[in-house]
PDB file of N, CA and C in Angstrom:
ATOM      1  N   UNK A   1      89.065  91.058  96.817  1.00  0.00           N
ATOM      2  CA  UNK A   1      87.873  90.435  96.949  1.00  0.00           C
ATOM      3  C   UNK A   1      87.869  89.232  97.370  1.00  0.00           C
ATOM      4  N   UNK A   2      87.138  88.580  98.428  1.00  0.00           N
ATOM      5  CA  UNK A   2      86.950  87.474  98.798  1.00  0.00           C
ATOM      6  C   UNK A   2      85.388  86.949  99.114  1.00  0.00           C
ATOM      7  N   UNK A   3      85.157  85.916  98.077  1.00  0.00           N
ATOM      8  CA  UNK A   3      83.945  85.689  98.132  1.00  0.00           C
ATOM      9  C   UNK A   3      82.716  86.629  97.602  1.00  0.00           C
ATOM     10  N   UNK A   4      83.227  87.654  96.869  1.00  0.00           N
ATOM     11  CA  UNK A   4      82.759  88.784  96.630  1.00  0.00           C
ATOM     12  C   UNK A   4      82.472  90.130  97.410  1.00  0.00           C
ATOM     13  N   UNK A   5      83.385  89.734  98.413  1.00  0.00           N
ATOM     14  CA  UNK A   5      83.356  90.809  99.364  1.00  0.00           C
ATOM     15  C   UNK A   5      84.828  91.437  99.515  1.00  0.00           C
ATOM     16  N   UNK A   6      84.725  92.720  99.831  1.00  0.00           N
ATOM     17  CA  UNK A   6      86.049  93.400 100.097  1.00  0.00           C
ATOM     18  C   UNK A   6      87.247  92.321 101.017  1.00  0.00           C
ATOM     19  N   UNK A   7      88.475  92.561 100.818  1.00  0.00           N
ATOM     20  CA  UNK A   7      89.259  91.823 101.733  1.00  0.00           C
ATOM     21  C   UNK A   7      90.174  92.554 102.285  1.00  0.00           C
ATOM     22  N   UNK A   8      90.453  92.645 103.712  1.00  0.00           N
ATOM     23  CA  UNK A   8      91.432  93.509 104.246  1.00  0.00           C
ATOM     24  C   UNK A   8      92.646  93.212 103.626  1.00  0.00           C
ATOM     25  N   UNK A   9      93.813  94.116 103.540  1.00  0.00           N
ATOM     26  CA  UNK A   9      94.941  93.973 103.223  1.00  0.00           C
ATOM     27  C   UNK A   9      95.646  92.736 103.669  1.00  0.00           C
ATOM     28  N   UNK A  10      95.591  93.106 105.145  1.00  0.00           N
ATOM     29  CA  UNK A  10      96.356  92.283 106.188  1.00  0.00           C
ATOM     30  C   UNK A  10      95.899  90.733 105.850  1.00  0.00           C
ATOM     31  N   UNK A  11      94.518  90.331 105.728  1.00  0.00           N
ATOM     32  CA  UNK A  11      94.393  89.081 105.385  1.00  0.00           C
ATOM     33  C   UNK A  11      94.715  88.718 103.999  1.00  0.00           C
ATOM     34  N   UNK A  12      94.607  89.485 102.979  1.00  0.00           N
ATOM     35  CA  UNK A  12      94.941  88.944 101.663  1.00  0.00           C
ATOM     36  C   UNK A  12      96.529  88.719 101.605  1.00  0.00           C
ATOM     37  N   UNK A  13      97.438  89.507 102.390  1.00  0.00           N
ATOM     38  CA  UNK A  13      98.941  89.144 102.551  1.00  0.00           C
ATOM     39  C   UNK A  13      99.182  87.885 102.938  1.00  0.00           C
ATOM     40  N   UNK A  14      98.229  87.336 103.903  1.00  0.00           N
ATOM     41  CA  UNK A  14      98.295  85.962 104.343  1.00  0.00           C
ATOM     42  C   UNK A  14      97.765  84.729 103.819  1.00  0.00           C
ATOM     43  N   UNK A  15      96.795  85.161 102.448  1.00  0.00           N
ATOM     44  CA  UNK A  15      96.327  83.984 101.863  1.00  0.00           C
ATOM     45  C   UNK A  15      97.377  83.696 100.307  1.00  0.00           C
ATOM     46  N   UNK A  16      97.051  82.600  99.908  1.00  0.00           N
ATOM     47  CA  UNK A  16      97.696  82.414  98.779  1.00  0.00           C
ATOM     48  C   UNK A  16      96.611  81.394  97.885  1.00  0.00           C
ATOM     49  N   UNK A  17      97.393  81.040  96.486  1.00  0.00           N
ATOM     50  CA  UNK A  17      96.783  80.048  95.615  1.00  0.00           C
ATOM     51  C   UNK A  17      97.749  79.463  95.139  1.00  0.00           C
ATOM     52  N   UNK A  18      97.633  78.376  95.032  1.00  0.00           N
ATOM     53  CA  UNK A  18      98.769  77.330  94.603  1.00  0.00           C
ATOM     54  C   UNK A  18      98.234  76.370  93.339  1.00  0.00           C
ATOM     55  N   UNK A  19      98.241  76.463  92.002  1.00  0.00           N
ATOM     56  CA  UNK A  19      97.483  75.732  91.092  1.00  0.00           C
ATOM     57  C   UNK A  19      98.372  74.506  91.230  1.00  0.00           C
ATOM     58  N   UNK A  20      97.922  73.308  90.700  1.00  0.00           N
ATOM     59  CA  UNK A  20      98.749  72.198  90.252  1.00  0.00           C
ATOM     60  C   UNK A  20      99.748  72.345  89.499  1.00  0.00           C
ATOM     61  N   UNK A  21      99.392  73.028  88.405  1.00  0.00           N
ATOM     62  CA  UNK A  21     100.532  73.339  87.201  1.00  0.00           C
ATOM     63  C   UNK A  21     100.544  74.832  86.858  1.00  0.00           C
ATOM     64  N   UNK A  22     101.630  75.371  86.974  1.00  0.00           N
ATOM     65  CA  UNK A  22     101.634  76.851  86.800  1.00  0.00           C
ATOM     66  C   UNK A  22     102.067  77.174  85.399  1.00  0.00           C
ATOM     67  N   UNK A  23     101.609  77.712  84.448  1.00  0.00           N
ATOM     68  CA  UNK A  23     102.336  77.871  83.173  1.00  0.00           C
ATOM     69  C   UNK A  23     103.135  79.150  83.155  1.00  0.00           C
ATOM     70  N   UNK A  24     104.188  79.121  83.195  1.00  0.00           N
ATOM     71  CA  UNK A  24     105.018  80.432  83.218  1.00  0.00           C
ATOM     72  C   UNK A  24     105.657  80.909  82.118  1.00  0.00           C
ATOM     73  N   UNK A  25     105.918  82.021  81.755  1.00  0.00           N
ATOM     74  CA  UNK A  25     106.458  82.578  80.244  1.00  0.00           C
ATOM     75  C   UNK A  25     107.578  81.619  80.028  1.00  0.00           C
ATOM     76  N   UNK A  26     108.648  81.549  81.198  1.00  0.00           N
ATOM     77  CA  UNK A  26     110.175  80.856  80.943  1.00  0.00           C
ATOM     78  C   UNK A  26     111.294  81.999  80.697  1.00  0.00           C
ATOM     79  N   UNK A  27     110.927  82.979  80.338  1.00  0.00           N
ATOM     80  CA  UNK A  27     112.199  83.974  80.229  1.00  0.00           C
ATOM     81  C   UNK A  27     112.622  84.747  81.133  1.00  0.00           C
ATOM     82  N   UNK A  28     111.612  84.939  82.330  1.00  0.00           N
ATOM     83  CA  UNK A  28     112.087  85.597  83.404  1.00  0.00           C
ATOM     84  C   UNK A  28     113.068  84.716  84.332  1.00  0.00           C
ATOM     85  N   UNK A  29     113.829  85.356  85.003  1.00  0.00           N
ATOM     86  CA  UNK A  29     114.557  84.428  85.945  1.00  0.00           C
ATOM     87  C   UNK A  29     113.780  84.387  87.408  1.00  0.00           C
ATOM     88  N   UNK A  30     114.107  83.260  87.849  1.00  0.00           N
ATOM     89  CA  UNK A  30     113.462  83.003  89.257  1.00  0.00           C
ATOM     90  C   UNK A  30     113.471  83.920  90.137  1.00  0.00           C
ATOM     91  N   UNK A  31     114.546  84.627  90.420  1.00  0.00           N
ATOM     92  CA  UNK A  31     114.406  85.748  91.238  1.00  0.00           C
ATOM     93  C   UNK A  31     113.421  86.875  90.957  1.00  0.00           C
ATOM     94  N   UNK A  32     113.258  87.118  89.513  1.00  0.00           N
ATOM     95  CA  UNK A  32     112.123  88.316  88.827  1.00  0.00           C
ATOM     96  C   UNK A  32     110.946  87.808  89.255  1.00  0.00           C
ATOM     97  N   UNK A  33     110.787  86.347  89.038  1.00  0.00           N
ATOM     98  CA  UNK A  33     109.315  85.812  89.264  1.00  0.00           C
ATOM     99  C   UNK A  33     108.887  86.083  90.847  1.00  0.00           C
ATOM    100  N   UNK A  34     109.954  85.809  91.782  1.00  0.00           N
ATOM    101  CA  UNK A  34     109.603  86.078  93.012  1.00  0.00           C
ATOM    102  C   UNK A  34     109.772  87.431  93.391  1.00  0.00           C
ATOM    103  N   UNK A  35     110.195  88.217  92.987  1.00  0.00           N
ATOM    104  CA  UNK A  35     110.091  89.730  93.454  1.00  0.00           C
ATOM    105  C   UNK A  35     108.640  90.060  92.783  1.00  0.00           C
ATOM    106  N   UNK A  36     108.200  89.560  91.726  1.00  0.00           N
ATOM    107  CA  UNK A  36     106.854  89.918  91.128  1.00  0.00           C
ATOM    108  C   UNK A  36     105.721  89.218  92.218  1.00  0.00           C
ATOM    109  N   UNK A  37     105.951  88.053  92.620  1.00  0.00           N
ATOM    110  CA  UNK A  37     104.958  87.793  93.376  1.00  0.00           C
ATOM    111  C   UNK A  37     105.001  88.495  95.065  1.00  0.00           C
ATOM    112  N   UNK A  38     106.152  88.808  95.146  1.00  0.00           N
ATOM    113  CA  UNK A  38     106.277  89.664  96.600  1.00  0.00           C
ATOM    114  C   UNK A  38     105.603  90.900  96.368  1.00  0.00           C
ATOM    115  N   UNK A  39     105.637  91.455  95.272  1.00  0.00           N
ATOM    116  CA  UNK A  39     104.752  92.893  95.304  1.00  0.00           C
ATOM    117  C   UNK A  39     103.305  92.373  95.236  1.00  0.00           C
ATOM    118  N   UNK A  40     102.917  91.090  94.330  1.00  0.00           N
ATOM    119  CA  UNK A  40     101.634  91.061  94.632  1.00  0.00           C
ATOM    120  C   UNK A  40     100.860  90.753  95.914  1.00  0.00           C
ATOM    121  N   UNK A  41     101.845  90.293  96.647  1.00  0.00           N
ATOM    122  CA  UNK A  41     101.394  90.130  98.159  1.00  0.00           C
ATOM    123  C   UNK A  41     101.583  91.270  98.949  1.00  0.00           C
ATOM    124  N   UNK A  42     102.045  92.423  98.639  1.00  0.00           N
ATOM    125  CA  UNK A  42     101.967  93.359  99.551  1.00  0.00           C
ATOM    126  C   UNK A  42     103.378  94.040  99.706  1.00  0.00           C
ATOM    127  N   UNK A  43     104.322  93.278  99.331  1.00  0.00           N
ATOM    128  CA  UNK A  43     105.740  93.667  99.449  1.00  0.00           C
ATOM    129  C   UNK A  43     106.343  92.766 100.463  1.00  0.00           C
ATOM    130  N   UNK A  44     107.276  91.986  99.836  1.00  0.00           N
ATOM    131  CA  UNK A  44     108.081  90.902 100.734  1.00  0.00           C
ATOM    132  C   UNK A  44     109.527  91.463 100.599  1.00  0.00           C
ATOM    133  N   UNK A  45     110.268  91.699 101.577  1.00  0.00           N
ATOM    134  CA  UNK A  45     111.766  92.369 101.374  1.00  0.00           C
ATOM    135  C   UNK A  45     112.373  91.140 100.762  1.00  0.00           C
ATOM    136  N   UNK A  46     113.441  91.814  99.774  1.00  0.00           N
ATOM    137  CA  UNK A  46     114.274  90.804  99.187  1.00  0.00           C
ATOM    138  C   UNK A  46     115.188  90.050 100.129  1.00  0.00           C
ATOM    139  N   UNK A  47     115.391  90.531 101.215  1.00  0.00           N
ATOM    140  CA  UNK A  47     116.225  89.684 101.807  1.00  0.00           C
ATOM    141  C   UNK A  47     115.541  88.423 102.495  1.00  0.00           C
ATOM    142  N   UNK A  48     114.108  88.308 102.591  1.00  0.00           N
ATOM    143  CA  UNK A  48     113.254  87.396 102.782  1.00  0.00           C
ATOM    144  C   UNK A  48     113.649  86.177 101.623  1.00  0.00           C
ATOM    145  N   UNK A  49     113.316  86.792 100.478  1.00  0.00           N
ATOM    146  CA  UNK A  49     113.390  86.013  99.065  1.00  0.00           C
ATOM    147  C   UNK A  49     114.574  85.223  99.176  1.00  0.00           C
ATOM    148  N   UNK A  50     115.794  86.080  99.389  1.00  0.00           N
ATOM    149  CA  UNK A  50     117.108  85.197  99.429  1.00  0.00           C
ATOM    150  C   UNK A  50     117.369  84.372 100.300  1.00  0.00           C
ATOM    151  N   UNK A  51     116.800  84.838 101.539  1.00  0.00           N
ATOM    152  CA  UNK A  51     117.071  83.552 102.768  1.00  0.00           C
ATOM    153  C   UNK A  51     116.228  82.259 102.333  1.00  0.00           C
ATOM    154  N   UNK A  52     115.009  82.643 101.884  1.00  0.00           N
ATOM    155  CA  UNK A  52     114.245  81.345 101.599  1.00  0.00           C
ATOM    156  C   UNK A  52     115.075  80.516 100.519  1.00  0.00           C
ATOM    157  N   UNK A  53     115.368  81.272  99.295  1.00  0.00           N
ATOM    158  CA  UNK A  53     116.208  80.574  98.401  1.00  0.00           C
ATOM    159  C   UNK A  53     117.504  79.754  98.795  1.00  0.00           C
ATOM    160  N   UNK A  54     117.963  80.345  99.679  1.00  0.00           N
ATOM    161  CA  UNK A  54     119.577  79.902 100.122  1.00  0.00           C
ATOM    162  C   UNK A  54     119.027  78.617 100.982  1.00  0.00           C
ATOM    163  N   UNK A  55     117.931  78.545 101.819  1.00  0.00           N
ATOM    164  CA  UNK A  55     117.524  77.676 102.601  1.00  0.00           C
ATOM    165  C   UNK A  55     116.993  76.366 101.763  1.00  0.00           C
ATOM    166  N   UNK A  56     116.326  76.805 100.759  1.00  0.00           N
ATOM    167  CA  UNK A  56     115.780  75.717  99.682  1.00  0.00           C
ATOM    168  C   UNK A  56     116.817  75.304  98.721  1.00  0.00           C
ATOM    169  N   UNK A  57     117.934  75.869  98.689  1.00  0.00           N
ATOM    170  CA  UNK A  57     118.906  75.706  97.737  1.00  0.00           C
ATOM    171  C   UNK A  57     118.549  75.727  96.144  1.00  0.00           C
ATOM    172  N   UNK A  58     118.054  76.963  96.106  1.00  0.00           N
ATOM    173  CA  UNK A  58     117.056  77.293  94.767  1.00  0.00           C
ATOM    174  C   UNK A  58     118.198  78.511  94.164  1.00  0.00           C
ATOM    175  N   UNK A  59     118.534  77.970  92.942  1.00  0.00           N
ATOM    176  CA  UNK A  59     119.461  79.194  91.997  1.00  0.00           C
ATOM    177  C   UNK A  59     118.241  80.006  91.401  1.00  0.00           C
ATOM    178  N   UNK A  60     118.333  81.283  91.651  1.00  0.00           N
ATOM    179  CA  UNK A  60     117.427  82.402  91.377  1.00  0.00           C
ATOM    180  C   UNK A  60     117.781  82.811  90.174  1.00  0.00           C
ATOM    181  N   UNK A  61     118.985  82.789  89.581  1.00  0.00           N
ATOM    182  CA  UNK A  61     119.371  83.307  88.797  1.00  0.00           C
ATOM    183  C   UNK A  61     119.145  82.741  87.225  1.00  0.00           C
ATOM    184  N   UNK A  62     118.601  81.268  87.417  1.00  0.00           N
ATOM    185  CA  UNK A  62     117.981  80.757  86.169  1.00  0.00           C
ATOM    186  C   UNK A  62     116.800  80.978  85.686  1.00  0.00           C
ATOM    187  N   UNK A  63     116.656  81.068  84.211  1.00  0.00           N
ATOM    188  CA  UNK A  63     115.281  81.136  83.684  1.00  0.00           C
ATOM    189  C   UNK A  63     114.541  80.270  84.128  1.00  0.00           C
ATOM    190  N   UNK A  64     113.190  80.653  84.331  1.00  0.00           N
ATOM    191  CA  UNK A  64     112.174  79.441  84.761  1.00  0.00           C
ATOM    192  C   UNK A  64     111.897  78.540  83.997  1.00  0.00           C
ATOM    193  N   UNK A  65     112.188  78.456  82.530  1.00  0.00           N
ATOM    194  CA  UNK A  65     111.972  77.587  81.616  1.00  0.00           C
ATOM    195  C   UNK A  65     113.054  76.708  81.717  1.00  0.00           C
ATOM    196  N   UNK A  66     114.144  76.912  82.365  1.00  0.00           N
ATOM    197  CA  UNK A  66     115.202  76.028  82.435  1.00  0.00           C
ATOM    198  C   UNK A  66     115.266  75.154  83.760  1.00  0.00           C
ATOM    199  N   UNK A  67     114.491  75.468  84.636  1.00  0.00           N
ATOM    200  CA  UNK A  67     114.314  74.897  85.833  1.00  0.00           C
ATOM    201  C   UNK A  67     113.581  73.300  86.022  1.00  0.00           C
ATOM    202  N   UNK A  68     114.211  72.422  86.556  1.00  0.00           N
ATOM    203  CA  UNK A  68     113.489  71.210  86.370  1.00  0.00           C
ATOM    204  C   UNK A  68     112.029  71.189  87.243  1.00  0.00           C
ATOM    205  N   UNK A  69     111.029  70.318  87.012  1.00  0.00           N
ATOM    206  CA  UNK A  69     110.015  70.427  87.588  1.00  0.00           C
ATOM    207  C   UNK A  69     110.155  70.511  89.203  1.00  0.00           C
ATOM    208  N   UNK A  70     111.086  69.992  89.704  1.00  0.00           N
ATOM    209  CA  UNK A  70     111.231  69.803  91.167  1.00  0.00           C
ATOM    210  C   UNK A  70     111.699  71.406  91.612  1.00  0.00           C
ATOM    211  N   UNK A  71     112.300  71.820  90.865  1.00  0.00           N
ATOM    212  CA  UNK A  71     112.955  73.221  91.224  1.00  0.00           C
ATOM    213  C   UNK A  71     112.042  74.295  90.941  1.00  0.00           C
ATOM    214  N   UNK A  72     111.257  73.979  90.115  1.00  0.00           N
ATOM    215  CA  UNK A  72     110.201  74.953  89.887  1.00  0.00           C
ATOM    216  C   UNK A  72     109.190  74.855  90.937  1.00  0.00           C
ATOM    217  N   UNK A  73     108.923  73.814  91.494  1.00  0.00           N
ATOM    218  CA  UNK A  73     108.090  73.665  92.735  1.00  0.00           C
ATOM    219  C   UNK A  73     108.504  74.353  93.719  1.00  0.00           C
ATOM    220  N   UNK A  74     109.937  74.330  94.147  1.00  0.00           N
ATOM    221  CA  UNK A  74     110.561  75.009  94.996  1.00  0.00           C
ATOM    222  C   UNK A  74     110.168  76.630  95.075  1.00  0.00           C
ATOM    223  N   UNK A  75     110.294  77.021  93.990  1.00  0.00           N
ATOM    224  CA  UNK A  75     110.388  78.468  93.794  1.00  0.00           C
ATOM    225  C   UNK A  75     108.707  78.748  93.951  1.00  0.00           C
ATOM    226  N   UNK A  76     107.762  78.162  93.363  1.00  0.00           N
ATOM    227  CA  UNK A  76     106.227  78.280  93.255  1.00  0.00           C
ATOM    228  C   UNK A  76     106.000  78.248  94.894  1.00  0.00           C
ATOM    229  N   UNK A  77     106.436  77.308  95.703  1.00  0.00           N
ATOM    230  CA  UNK A  77     105.957  77.404  97.023  1.00  0.00           C
ATOM    231  C   UNK A  77     106.673  78.221  97.999  1.00  0.00           C
TER     232      UNK A  77
END
């Protein structure tokens, strides 16, 4: 739904929302979190997630709670 109206899946896949502070459970690894977000967005290939992680030098094997604020922002964006 967008403004109370049904939203085309293609439009929804291109939209996003990024809160100023995101409260995370912290036990999941960054990779798990990104796979979850990929599913929510309609399916993002694992290769795309890995390529972006490499580009931003983000260690996806670390639990989210152990990441610095800067690295959490890399993962969230």
